[in-house]
Amino acid sequence: YKGRLMINNGFSQEKGNRVIQEDLADLVAFGKLFISNPDLPKRFELNANIAQWDESTFYTPGKKGYTDYSLLTEI
């Protein structure tokens, strides 16, 4: 494969950075981490706590579990 490679599945900031630095992928996606941390890049930048997602709210109607997680400025 000669194109760009995006990977995803259980990556922490450290593991994602290592994969990029070792040129094993071009992009690391942080799906679940972004659900529970809408300001994930800022949290990575500040080395702030990462909120855990709540899988019991996945694939359910309403905002709970999708848009109700706090930003750093709200904590």
Protein backbone atom coordinates (compact mmCIF):
# COMPACT_ATOMS: atom_id res chain seq x y z
CA TYR A 1 0.00 0.00 0.00
CA LYS A 2 1.46 3.36 -1.04
CA GLY A 3 -1.21 5.78 0.23
CA ARG A 4 -1.74 7.49 3.55
CA LEU A 5 -2.44 5.29 6.55
CA MET A 6 -4.82 6.28 9.35
CA ILE A 7 -5.04 3.97 12.36
CA ASN A 8 -7.38 3.83 15.33
CA ASN A 9 -8.14 1.54 18.24
CA GLY A 10 -7.16 2.07 21.83
CA PHE A 11 -4.36 4.59 21.35
CA SER A 12 -3.18 6.81 24.18
CA GLN A 13 -1.43 10.09 23.45
CA GLU A 14 1.95 8.48 24.10
CA LYS A 15 1.29 5.43 21.95
CA GLY A 16 -0.13 7.57 19.15
CA ASN A 17 2.90 9.88 19.19
CA ARG A 18 5.25 6.90 19.09
CA VAL A 19 3.48 5.40 16.06
CA ILE A 20 3.80 8.70 14.18
CA GLN A 21 7.44 9.24 15.23
CA GLU A 22 8.35 5.73 14.11
CA ASP A 23 6.62 6.41 10.76
CA LEU A 24 4.26 3.46 11.20
CA ALA A 25 1.22 5.57 10.25
CA ASP A 26 0.40 9.04 8.96
CA LEU A 27 -2.48 9.75 11.31
CA VAL A 28 -3.86 8.35 14.56
CA ALA A 29 -7.59 8.78 15.20
CA PHE A 30 -8.91 8.99 18.75
CA GLY A 31 -12.61 8.15 18.35
CA LYS A 32 -13.84 7.23 21.83
CA LEU A 33 -11.43 9.64 23.51
CA PHE A 34 -12.94 12.49 21.48
CA ILE A 35 -16.46 11.55 22.57
CA SER A 36 -15.59 11.93 26.25
CA ASN A 37 -13.04 14.73 25.73
CA PRO A 38 -14.39 17.27 23.23
CA ASP A 39 -11.23 19.34 23.82
CA LEU A 40 -8.84 16.40 23.44
CA PRO A 41 -6.06 18.29 21.59
CA LYS A 42 -5.97 20.89 24.41
CA ARG A 43 -5.89 18.14 27.04
CA PHE A 44 -2.98 16.51 25.21
CA GLU A 45 -1.19 19.86 24.98
CA LEU A 46 -1.62 20.57 28.71
CA ASN A 47 -1.10 16.96 29.78
CA ALA A 48 -4.48 17.22 31.52
CA ASN A 49 -6.62 14.39 32.83
CA ILE A 50 -8.49 12.37 30.22
CA ALA A 51 -12.16 11.61 30.95
CA GLN A 52 -13.30 8.02 30.45
CA TRP A 53 -16.22 7.40 28.09
CA ASP A 54 -19.41 5.69 29.21
CA GLU A 55 -20.14 2.81 26.83
CA SER A 56 -23.64 2.37 28.26
CA THR A 57 -24.58 5.61 26.48
CA PHE A 58 -23.28 4.58 23.05
CA TYR A 59 -25.91 4.26 20.31
CA THR A 60 -28.68 5.75 22.44
CA PRO A 61 -30.97 8.70 21.66
CA GLY A 62 -30.40 12.12 23.17
CA LYS A 63 -27.30 14.06 24.14
CA LYS A 64 -26.22 11.94 27.14
CA GLY A 65 -22.90 10.37 26.30
CA TYR A 66 -22.44 12.42 23.13
CA THR A 67 -22.51 16.12 23.97
CA ASP A 68 -22.63 16.25 27.76
CA TYR A 69 -18.95 15.72 28.62
CA SER A 70 -17.21 18.69 30.26
CA LEU A 71 -14.56 20.89 28.73
CA LEU A 72 -11.46 21.69 30.79
CA THR A 73 -12.78 25.19 31.48
CA GLU A 74 -15.96 23.69 32.97
CA ILE A 75 -14.17 21.37 35.41
